[in-house]
C-alpha cells in the first residue's frame, strides 16, 4: 500500500531508529505518512500523534531526512518511560524500488505452497504481518488479481522445484491441492535441510493420520526419524477449534509468529 501510494503523492517514512528502556515498538518499526493518510504504526498514542504532525510538517517544507528524540514521559503523556529516536525521510515514487528492498529486510520470509481456500485465507491473514510472503502453486489462474499487498505470487511446475530457490530462513507452509504434491514439497524441504539446514519451520496441513502415512513414505525415500521430526503436522497453535479456512489461517499465523519470538 505504501509503495502503490507513492505513485499518487510523496510520503514521509517514519522509522524507529533506536530505543532506550521501555518503548511501544522495536527498532525497525515504521509508518508512512502522506497528506491524506498513513500506513503502518510506530506504537500509537501521543508519540505517534506527534510523529504524524512532524512528518506532515516535513512534507510541507520538503525537508530532508533527520532524526528526532522523543522521551516517553510526562511531556508526551505516556508512561513507558523510555526514549525513542525516530528517523524521518521524505520519499517519492522514484524511491520505491530501494524502499521495497529496505523494508523487506525487516520481514521474515514465508513460503506458502497452495492456493486453495485455506491458502487464500492464510495469505490475507499474513499480508499485514511482519512476513515477506511468497505464495506458490503449480496451477495457472489460482491467485487473486490483485494479490494481497506485498505478497509475491509464483507459478512453479513441478511445485517442489521452488524449494531450492526459497530465501534462507524461510518458514514453509505446505497445503497444496493434492497429497502427492504435499509429499514432494516436504521431501524437497528435507533434502534442503540436509545440505543447508536453513528452514527453521516446515509445516504441513493435515491430520495425525496423514502424517503417519507421510512418515512411512518419506522413510521409504531414505529420510531418518530425526529428519522427519523437523516437520510440524498438524499445523496451527493448539486450542483453536473450527475448520473454517479463516480459523485455520489465524491458528497458523499465530504459530508462525511464535517462531519469531518463541514462548517462554
C-alpha atoms as a PDB file:
ATOM      1  CA  UNK A   1       0.000   0.000   0.000  1.00  0.00           C
ATOM      2  CA  UNK A   2       2.868   2.389   0.796  1.00  0.00           C
ATOM      3  CA  UNK A   3       4.682   1.782  -2.485  1.00  0.00           C
ATOM      4  CA  UNK A   4       1.499   1.977  -4.555  1.00  0.00           C
ATOM      5  CA  UNK A   5       0.531   5.227  -2.816  1.00  0.00           C
ATOM      6  CA  UNK A   6       3.818   6.861  -3.784  1.00  0.00           C
ATOM      7  CA  UNK A   7       2.658   6.856  -7.398  1.00  0.00           C
ATOM      8  CA  UNK A   8      -0.008   9.419  -6.406  1.00  0.00           C
ATOM      9  CA  UNK A   9       1.795  11.531  -3.802  1.00  0.00           C
ATOM     10  CA  UNK A  10       5.016  11.714  -1.771  1.00  0.00           C
ATOM     11  CA  UNK A  11       5.116  10.428   1.786  1.00  0.00           C
ATOM     12  CA  UNK A  12       7.281  10.719   4.856  1.00  0.00           C
ATOM     13  CA  UNK A  13       8.704   7.437   6.141  1.00  0.00           C
ATOM     14  CA  UNK A  14       8.973   7.379   9.948  1.00  0.00           C
ATOM     15  CA  UNK A  15      11.240   4.639  11.334  1.00  0.00           C
ATOM     16  CA  UNK A  16      12.207   3.658  14.849  1.00  0.00           C
ATOM     17  CA  UNK A  17      15.970   4.049  14.569  1.00  0.00           C
ATOM     18  CA  UNK A  18      16.903   3.260  18.171  1.00  0.00           C
ATOM     19  CA  UNK A  19      15.321   2.874  21.602  1.00  0.00           C
ATOM     20  CA  UNK A  20      16.188   3.025  25.270  1.00  0.00           C
ATOM     21  CA  UNK A  21      14.183   1.464  28.078  1.00  0.00           C
ATOM     22  CA  UNK A  22      10.507   0.569  27.794  1.00  0.00           C
ATOM     23  CA  UNK A  23       9.011   1.625  24.435  1.00  0.00           C
ATOM     24  CA  UNK A  24       5.903   0.660  22.422  1.00  0.00           C
ATOM     25  CA  UNK A  25       7.707  -0.612  19.281  1.00  0.00           C
ATOM     26  CA  UNK A  26      11.054  -2.139  18.409  1.00  0.00           C
ATOM     27  CA  UNK A  27      13.878  -0.848  16.227  1.00  0.00           C
ATOM     28  CA  UNK A  28      12.879  -1.070  12.565  1.00  0.00           C
ATOM     29  CA  UNK A  29       9.159  -0.469  13.127  1.00  0.00           C
ATOM     30  CA  UNK A  30       7.830   2.089  10.685  1.00  0.00           C
ATOM     31  CA  UNK A  31       4.884   4.032   9.373  1.00  0.00           C
ATOM     32  CA  UNK A  32       4.460   6.143   6.266  1.00  0.00           C
ATOM     33  CA  UNK A  33       2.578   9.425   6.430  1.00  0.00           C
ATOM     34  CA  UNK A  34       1.057  11.219   3.458  1.00  0.00           C
ATOM     35  CA  UNK A  35      -1.180  14.239   3.229  1.00  0.00           C
ATOM     36  CA  UNK A  36      -4.268  12.003   3.177  1.00  0.00           C
ATOM     37  CA  UNK A  37      -3.489   9.077   5.459  1.00  0.00           C
ATOM     38  CA  UNK A  38      -0.908   6.711   6.866  1.00  0.00           C
ATOM     39  CA  UNK A  39       0.297   3.125   6.606  1.00  0.00           C
ATOM     40  CA  UNK A  40       1.794   1.148   9.490  1.00  0.00           C
ATOM     41  CA  UNK A  41       2.354   2.213  13.084  1.00  0.00           C
ATOM     42  CA  UNK A  42       5.165   3.049  15.472  1.00  0.00           C
ATOM     43  CA  UNK A  43       3.092   2.244  18.524  1.00  0.00           C
ATOM     44  CA  UNK A  44       0.140   4.607  18.685  1.00  0.00           C
ATOM     45  CA  UNK A  45      -0.556   7.043  21.487  1.00  0.00           C
ATOM     46  CA  UNK A  46       0.766  10.577  21.719  1.00  0.00           C
ATOM     47  CA  UNK A  47       4.152   9.545  20.308  1.00  0.00           C
ATOM     48  CA  UNK A  48       2.528   8.594  17.042  1.00  0.00           C
ATOM     49  CA  UNK A  49       0.354  11.723  17.078  1.00  0.00           C
ATOM     50  CA  UNK A  50       3.453  13.915  17.413  1.00  0.00           C
ATOM     51  CA  UNK A  51       5.333  11.903  14.782  1.00  0.00           C
ATOM     52  CA  UNK A  52       2.489  12.297  12.272  1.00  0.00           C
ATOM     53  CA  UNK A  53       2.478  16.056  12.805  1.00  0.00           C
ATOM     54  CA  UNK A  54       6.261  16.200  12.362  1.00  0.00           C
ATOM     55  CA  UNK A  55       6.088  14.073   9.211  1.00  0.00           C
ATOM     56  CA  UNK A  56       3.455  16.293   7.624  1.00  0.00           C
ATOM     57  CA  UNK A  57       5.452  19.397   8.547  1.00  0.00           C
ATOM     58  CA  UNK A  58       8.459  17.934   6.742  1.00  0.00           C
ATOM     59  CA  UNK A  59       6.339  17.032   3.716  1.00  0.00           C
ATOM     60  CA  UNK A  60       5.001  20.581   3.521  1.00  0.00           C
ATOM     61  CA  UNK A  61       8.508  22.038   3.740  1.00  0.00           C
ATOM     62  CA  UNK A  62      10.183  19.357   1.562  1.00  0.00           C
ATOM     63  CA  UNK A  63      12.637  18.981   4.424  1.00  0.00           C
ATOM     64  CA  UNK A  64      15.439  16.424   4.188  1.00  0.00           C
ATOM     65  CA  UNK A  65      15.678  13.404   6.446  1.00  0.00           C
ATOM     66  CA  UNK A  66      16.544  13.749  10.113  1.00  0.00           C
ATOM     67  CA  UNK A  67      16.333  12.062  13.498  1.00  0.00           C
ATOM     68  CA  UNK A  68      14.225  13.344  16.399  1.00  0.00           C
ATOM     69  CA  UNK A  69      14.465  12.170  20.013  1.00  0.00           C
ATOM     70  CA  UNK A  70      11.204  11.517  21.889  1.00  0.00           C
ATOM     71  CA  UNK A  71      11.312  10.829  25.667  1.00  0.00           C
ATOM     72  CA  UNK A  72       8.208   8.847  26.636  1.00  0.00           C
ATOM     73  CA  UNK A  73       7.484  10.634  29.869  1.00  0.00           C
ATOM     74  CA  UNK A  74       5.013  13.191  31.178  1.00  0.00           C
ATOM     75  CA  UNK A  75       5.570  15.563  28.253  1.00  0.00           C
ATOM     76  CA  UNK A  76       4.024  13.027  25.864  1.00  0.00           C
ATOM     77  CA  UNK A  77       1.529  11.658  28.353  1.00  0.00           C
ATOM     78  CA  UNK A  78       2.943   8.143  28.020  1.00  0.00           C
ATOM     79  CA  UNK A  79       4.111   6.137  30.992  1.00  0.00           C
ATOM     80  CA  UNK A  80       6.538   3.814  29.166  1.00  0.00           C
ATOM     81  CA  UNK A  81       9.438   5.859  30.475  1.00  0.00           C
ATOM     82  CA  UNK A  82      11.835   5.015  27.657  1.00  0.00           C
ATOM     83  CA  UNK A  83      13.252   7.020  24.782  1.00  0.00           C
ATOM     84  CA  UNK A  84      12.572   6.579  21.053  1.00  0.00           C
ATOM     85  CA  UNK A  85      14.683   8.033  18.249  1.00  0.00           C
ATOM     86  CA  UNK A  86      12.649   8.420  15.058  1.00  0.00           C
ATOM     87  CA  UNK A  87      14.128   8.914  11.614  1.00  0.00           C
ATOM     88  CA  UNK A  88      12.022  10.964   9.176  1.00  0.00           C
ATOM     89  CA  UNK A  89      12.648  10.519   5.435  1.00  0.00           C
ATOM     90  CA  UNK A  90      10.566  12.085   2.672  1.00  0.00           C
ATOM     91  CA  UNK A  91      10.133   9.661  -0.230  1.00  0.00           C
ATOM     92  CA  UNK A  92       8.627   9.760  -3.719  1.00  0.00           C
ATOM     93  CA  UNK A  93       7.821   7.254  -6.460  1.00  0.00           C
ATOM     94  CA  UNK A  94      11.469   7.349  -7.542  1.00  0.00           C
ATOM     95  CA  UNK A  95      12.446   5.861  -4.175  1.00  0.00           C
ATOM     96  CA  UNK A  96      10.042   2.907  -4.428  1.00  0.00           C
ATOM     97  CA  UNK A  97      12.493   0.182  -5.620  1.00  0.00           C
ATOM     98  CA  UNK A  98      15.116   0.969  -2.977  1.00  0.00           C
ATOM     99  CA  UNK A  99      12.412   1.387  -0.342  1.00  0.00           C
ATOM    100  CA  UNK A 100      10.952  -2.060  -1.079  1.00  0.00           C
ATOM    101  CA  UNK A 101      14.362  -3.675  -0.575  1.00  0.00           C
ATOM    102  CA  UNK A 102      14.974  -1.703   2.608  1.00  0.00           C
ATOM    103  CA  UNK A 103      11.654  -2.519   4.249  1.00  0.00           C
ATOM    104  CA  UNK A 104      11.682  -6.210   3.317  1.00  0.00           C
ATOM    105  CA  UNK A 105      14.863  -6.597   5.369  1.00  0.00           C
ATOM    106  CA  UNK A 106      12.711  -6.212   8.489  1.00  0.00           C
ATOM    107  CA  UNK A 107      10.358  -9.035   7.424  1.00  0.00           C
ATOM    108  CA  UNK A 108      10.754 -12.791   7.884  1.00  0.00           C
ATOM    109  CA  UNK A 109      10.370 -14.840   4.673  1.00  0.00           C
ATOM    110  CA  UNK A 110       7.471 -17.280   4.483  1.00  0.00           C
ATOM    111  CA  UNK A 111       6.791 -19.689   1.621  1.00  0.00           C
ATOM    112  CA  UNK A 112       3.173 -20.777   1.271  1.00  0.00           C
ATOM    113  CA  UNK A 113       2.578 -23.752  -1.039  1.00  0.00           C
ATOM    114  CA  UNK A 114      -1.046 -23.999  -2.135  1.00  0.00           C
ATOM    115  CA  UNK A 115      -3.723 -21.673  -3.464  1.00  0.00           C
ATOM    116  CA  UNK A 116      -6.832 -23.379  -2.127  1.00  0.00           C
ATOM    117  CA  UNK A 117      -9.411 -21.929   0.257  1.00  0.00           C
ATOM    118  CA  UNK A 118      -7.120 -22.135   3.290  1.00  0.00           C
ATOM    119  CA  UNK A 119      -4.193 -20.786   1.272  1.00  0.00           C
ATOM    120  CA  UNK A 120      -6.229 -17.744   0.249  1.00  0.00           C
ATOM    121  CA  UNK A 121      -7.328 -17.137   3.845  1.00  0.00           C
ATOM    122  CA  UNK A 122      -3.769 -17.527   5.130  1.00  0.00           C
ATOM    123  CA  UNK A 123      -2.304 -15.191   2.502  1.00  0.00           C
ATOM    124  CA  UNK A 124      -4.807 -12.500   3.518  1.00  0.00           C
ATOM    125  CA  UNK A 125      -4.005 -13.049   7.207  1.00  0.00           C
ATOM    126  CA  UNK A 126      -0.217 -12.952   6.756  1.00  0.00           C
ATOM    127  CA  UNK A 127      -0.105  -9.950   4.405  1.00  0.00           C
ATOM    128  CA  UNK A 128      -0.207  -7.231   7.127  1.00  0.00           C
ATOM    129  CA  UNK A 129       2.072  -9.174   9.499  1.00  0.00           C
ATOM    130  CA  UNK A 130       5.899  -8.910   9.633  1.00  0.00           C
ATOM    131  CA  UNK A 131       6.419 -11.541   6.940  1.00  0.00           C
ATOM    132  CA  UNK A 132       7.657 -11.424   3.349  1.00  0.00           C
ATOM    133  CA  UNK A 133       5.249 -13.921   1.802  1.00  0.00           C
ATOM    134  CA  UNK A 134       5.954 -15.906  -1.367  1.00  0.00           C
ATOM    135  CA  UNK A 135       2.830 -17.789  -2.470  1.00  0.00           C
ATOM    136  CA  UNK A 136       3.484 -20.776  -4.730  1.00  0.00           C
ATOM    137  CA  UNK A 137       1.235 -23.081  -6.766  1.00  0.00           C
ATOM    138  CA  UNK A 138       1.609 -25.355  -9.779  1.00  0.00           C
ATOM    139  CA  UNK A 139      -1.714 -24.329 -11.325  1.00  0.00           C
ATOM    140  CA  UNK A 140      -2.420 -21.361 -13.575  1.00  0.00           C
ATOM    141  CA  UNK A 141      -5.009 -18.737 -12.652  1.00  0.00           C
ATOM    142  CA  UNK A 142      -5.144 -19.736  -8.986  1.00  0.00           C
ATOM    143  CA  UNK A 143      -4.017 -16.465  -7.406  1.00  0.00           C
ATOM    144  CA  UNK A 144      -6.319 -13.475  -6.817  1.00  0.00           C
ATOM    145  CA  UNK A 145      -5.833 -10.427  -9.002  1.00  0.00           C
ATOM    146  CA  UNK A 146      -4.657  -8.284  -7.420  1.00  0.00           C
ATOM    147  CA  UNK A 147      -2.814 -10.335  -4.834  1.00  0.00           C
ATOM    148  CA  UNK A 148      -2.787  -9.142  -1.215  1.00  0.00           C
ATOM    149  CA  UNK A 149      -0.489  -6.168  -0.734  1.00  0.00           C
ATOM    150  CA  UNK A 150       3.155  -7.210  -0.512  1.00  0.00           C
ATOM    151  CA  UNK A 151       2.558 -10.865  -1.455  1.00  0.00           C
ATOM    152  CA  UNK A 152       4.716 -12.310  -4.259  1.00  0.00           C
ATOM    153  CA  UNK A 153       2.879 -14.958  -6.316  1.00  0.00           C
ATOM    154  CA  UNK A 154       4.903 -17.621  -8.110  1.00  0.00           C
ATOM    155  CA  UNK A 155       3.917 -20.387 -10.547  1.00  0.00           C
ATOM    156  CA  UNK A 156       6.105 -23.492 -10.257  1.00  0.00           C
ATOM    157  CA  UNK A 157       5.551 -26.760 -12.126  1.00  0.00           C
ATOM    158  CA  UNK A 158       6.598 -29.076 -10.610  1.00  0.00           C
ATOM    159  CA  UNK A 159       5.804 -27.204  -7.439  1.00  0.00           C
ATOM    160  CA  UNK A 160       8.718 -28.668  -5.429  1.00  0.00           C
ATOM    161  CA  UNK A 161      11.169 -27.063  -7.860  1.00  0.00           C
ATOM    162  CA  UNK A 162      10.624 -23.799  -5.979  1.00  0.00           C
ATOM    163  CA  UNK A 163      12.077 -25.176  -2.723  1.00  0.00           C
ATOM    164  CA  UNK A 164      15.808 -24.782  -3.566  1.00  0.00           C
ATOM    165  CA  UNK A 165      15.156 -21.158  -4.538  1.00  0.00           C
ATOM    166  CA  UNK A 166      13.473 -20.088  -1.298  1.00  0.00           C
ATOM    167  CA  UNK A 167      15.072 -17.309   0.718  1.00  0.00           C
ATOM    168  CA  UNK A 168      17.284 -18.523   3.578  1.00  0.00           C
ATOM    169  CA  UNK A 169      15.475 -18.811   6.940  1.00  0.00           C
ATOM    170  CA  UNK A 170      12.092 -19.202   5.231  1.00  0.00           C
ATOM    171  CA  UNK A 171       9.211 -20.590   7.229  1.00  0.00           C
ATOM    172  CA  UNK A 172       7.468 -23.106   4.942  1.00  0.00           C
ATOM    173  CA  UNK A 173       3.744 -23.887   4.989  1.00  0.00           C
ATOM    174  CA  UNK A 174       2.551 -26.747   2.769  1.00  0.00           C
ATOM    175  CA  UNK A 175      -1.131 -27.047   1.811  1.00  0.00           C
ATOM    176  CA  UNK A 176      -1.314 -27.837  -1.907  1.00  0.00           C
ATOM    177  CA  UNK A 177      -4.336 -29.248  -3.717  1.00  0.00           C
ATOM    178  CA  UNK A 178      -3.029 -32.834  -3.622  1.00  0.00           C
ATOM    179  CA  UNK A 179      -1.300 -35.150  -1.161  1.00  0.00           C
ATOM    180  CA  UNK A 180       1.170 -36.129  -3.872  1.00  0.00           C
ATOM    181  CA  UNK A 181       2.317 -32.521  -4.241  1.00  0.00           C
ATOM    182  CA  UNK A 182       2.432 -32.078  -0.479  1.00  0.00           C
ATOM    183  CA  UNK A 183       4.673 -35.136  -0.183  1.00  0.00           C
ATOM    184  CA  UNK A 184       7.031 -33.904  -2.903  1.00  0.00           C
ATOM    185  CA  UNK A 185       7.350 -30.474  -1.278  1.00  0.00           C
ATOM    186  CA  UNK A 186       8.050 -31.973   2.151  1.00  0.00           C
ATOM    187  CA  UNK A 187      10.710 -34.233   0.628  1.00  0.00           C
ATOM    188  CA  UNK A 188      12.313 -31.280  -1.163  1.00  0.00           C
ATOM    189  CA  UNK A 189      12.389 -29.298   2.103  1.00  0.00           C
ATOM    190  CA  UNK A 190      14.047 -32.174   3.957  1.00  0.00           C
ATOM    191  CA  UNK A 191      16.629 -32.575   1.189  1.00  0.00           C
ATOM    192  CA  UNK A 192      17.424 -28.878   1.504  1.00  0.00           C
ATOM    193  CA  UNK A 193      17.740 -29.285   5.260  1.00  0.00           C
ATOM    194  CA  UNK A 194      20.367 -31.978   4.746  1.00  0.00           C
ATOM    195  CA  UNK A 195      22.636 -29.652   2.811  1.00  0.00           C
ATOM    196  CA  UNK A 196      21.764 -26.204   4.095  1.00  0.00           C
ATOM    197  CA  UNK A 197      19.739 -26.536   7.294  1.00  0.00           C
ATOM    198  CA  UNK A 198      18.198 -23.108   6.806  1.00  0.00           C
ATOM    199  CA  UNK A 199      14.440 -23.737   7.046  1.00  0.00           C
ATOM    200  CA  UNK A 200      13.506 -23.086  10.705  1.00  0.00           C
ATOM    201  CA  UNK A 201       9.883 -24.232  10.284  1.00  0.00           C
ATOM    202  CA  UNK A 202       8.326 -26.765   7.918  1.00  0.00           C
ATOM    203  CA  UNK A 203       4.584 -27.029   8.497  1.00  0.00           C
ATOM    204  CA  UNK A 204       2.217 -29.440   6.747  1.00  0.00           C
ATOM    205  CA  UNK A 205      -1.560 -29.152   6.866  1.00  0.00           C
ATOM    206  CA  UNK A 206      -3.379 -32.339   7.764  1.00  0.00           C
ATOM    207  CA  UNK A 207      -4.209 -34.819  10.480  1.00  0.00           C
ATOM    208  CA  UNK A 208      -2.041 -37.129  12.562  1.00  0.00           C
ATOM    209  CA  UNK A 209      -3.209 -39.945  10.271  1.00  0.00           C
ATOM    210  CA  UNK A 210      -1.962 -38.075   7.215  1.00  0.00           C
ATOM    211  CA  UNK A 211       1.404 -37.505   8.873  1.00  0.00           C
ATOM    212  CA  UNK A 212       1.683 -41.199   9.808  1.00  0.00           C
ATOM    213  CA  UNK A 213       1.217 -42.104   6.143  1.00  0.00           C
ATOM    214  CA  UNK A 214       3.662 -39.424   5.008  1.00  0.00           C
ATOM    215  CA  UNK A 215       6.240 -40.504   7.585  1.00  0.00           C
ATOM    216  CA  UNK A 216       6.148 -44.062   6.256  1.00  0.00           C
ATOM    217  CA  UNK A 217       6.547 -42.914   2.647  1.00  0.00           C
ATOM    218  CA  UNK A 218       9.323 -40.471   3.491  1.00  0.00           C
ATOM    219  CA  UNK A 219      11.123 -43.166   5.460  1.00  0.00           C
ATOM    220  CA  UNK A 220      10.976 -45.318   2.324  1.00  0.00           C
ATOM    221  CA  UNK A 221      12.664 -42.432   0.480  1.00  0.00           C
ATOM    222  CA  UNK A 222      15.545 -42.597   2.919  1.00  0.00           C
ATOM    223  CA  UNK A 223      14.724 -39.922   5.487  1.00  0.00           C
ATOM    224  CA  UNK A 224      15.586 -40.661   9.111  1.00  0.00           C
ATOM    225  CA  UNK A 225      13.322 -40.179  12.147  1.00  0.00           C
ATOM    226  CA  UNK A 226      15.495 -37.211  13.168  1.00  0.00           C
ATOM    227  CA  UNK A 227      14.888 -35.588   9.789  1.00  0.00           C
ATOM    228  CA  UNK A 228      11.152 -36.289   9.903  1.00  0.00           C
ATOM    229  CA  UNK A 229      10.993 -34.644  13.333  1.00  0.00           C
ATOM    230  CA  UNK A 230      11.704 -31.323  11.603  1.00  0.00           C
ATOM    231  CA  UNK A 231       8.186 -31.343  10.111  1.00  0.00           C
ATOM    232  CA  UNK A 232       5.227 -29.978  12.086  1.00  0.00           C
ATOM    233  CA  UNK A 233       1.926 -31.724  11.298  1.00  0.00           C
ATOM    234  CA  UNK A 234      -0.826 -30.880  12.117  1.00  0.00           C
ATOM    235  CA  UNK A 235      -0.159 -27.134  11.991  1.00  0.00           C
ATOM    236  CA  UNK A 236      -1.653 -24.296  13.991  1.00  0.00           C
ATOM    237  CA  UNK A 237      -1.452 -23.396  17.658  1.00  0.00           C
ATOM    238  CA  UNK A 238      -3.403 -25.852  19.817  1.00  0.00           C
ATOM    239  CA  UNK A 239      -6.665 -24.902  21.441  1.00  0.00           C
ATOM    240  CA  UNK A 240      -8.236 -23.131  18.464  1.00  0.00           C
ATOM    241  CA  UNK A 241     -11.208 -25.155  17.279  1.00  0.00           C
ATOM    242  CA  UNK A 242     -13.005 -24.965  13.939  1.00  0.00           C
ATOM    243  CA  UNK A 243     -12.093 -25.965  10.412  1.00  0.00           C
ATOM    244  CA  UNK A 244     -13.190 -22.837   8.585  1.00  0.00           C
ATOM    245  CA  UNK A 245     -10.348 -21.526   6.367  1.00  0.00           C
ATOM    246  CA  UNK A 246     -10.196 -18.232   8.268  1.00  0.00           C
ATOM    247  CA  UNK A 247      -9.968 -20.014  11.636  1.00  0.00           C
ATOM    248  CA  UNK A 248      -7.172 -22.273  10.411  1.00  0.00           C
ATOM    249  CA  UNK A 249      -5.397 -19.224   8.979  1.00  0.00           C
ATOM    250  CA  UNK A 250      -5.433 -17.456  12.352  1.00  0.00           C
ATOM    251  CA  UNK A 251      -4.077 -20.546  14.133  1.00  0.00           C
ATOM    252  CA  UNK A 252      -1.268 -20.976  11.591  1.00  0.00           C
ATOM    253  CA  UNK A 253      -0.385 -17.274  11.587  1.00  0.00           C
ATOM    254  CA  UNK A 254      -0.118 -17.366  15.386  1.00  0.00           C
ATOM    255  CA  UNK A 255       2.196 -20.374  15.154  1.00  0.00           C
ATOM    256  CA  UNK A 256       4.422 -18.561  12.667  1.00  0.00           C
ATOM    257  CA  UNK A 257       4.592 -15.555  14.976  1.00  0.00           C
ATOM    258  CA  UNK A 258       5.713 -17.897  17.761  1.00  0.00           C
ATOM    259  CA  UNK A 259       8.686 -18.922  15.609  1.00  0.00           C
ATOM    260  CA  UNK A 260       9.845 -15.297  15.679  1.00  0.00           C
ATOM    261  CA  UNK A 261       9.563 -14.999  19.462  1.00  0.00           C
ATOM    262  CA  UNK A 262       9.179 -18.490  20.983  1.00  0.00           C
ATOM    263  CA  UNK A 263       7.008 -18.518  24.126  1.00  0.00           C
ATOM    264  CA  UNK A 264       8.894 -18.885  27.385  1.00  0.00           C
END
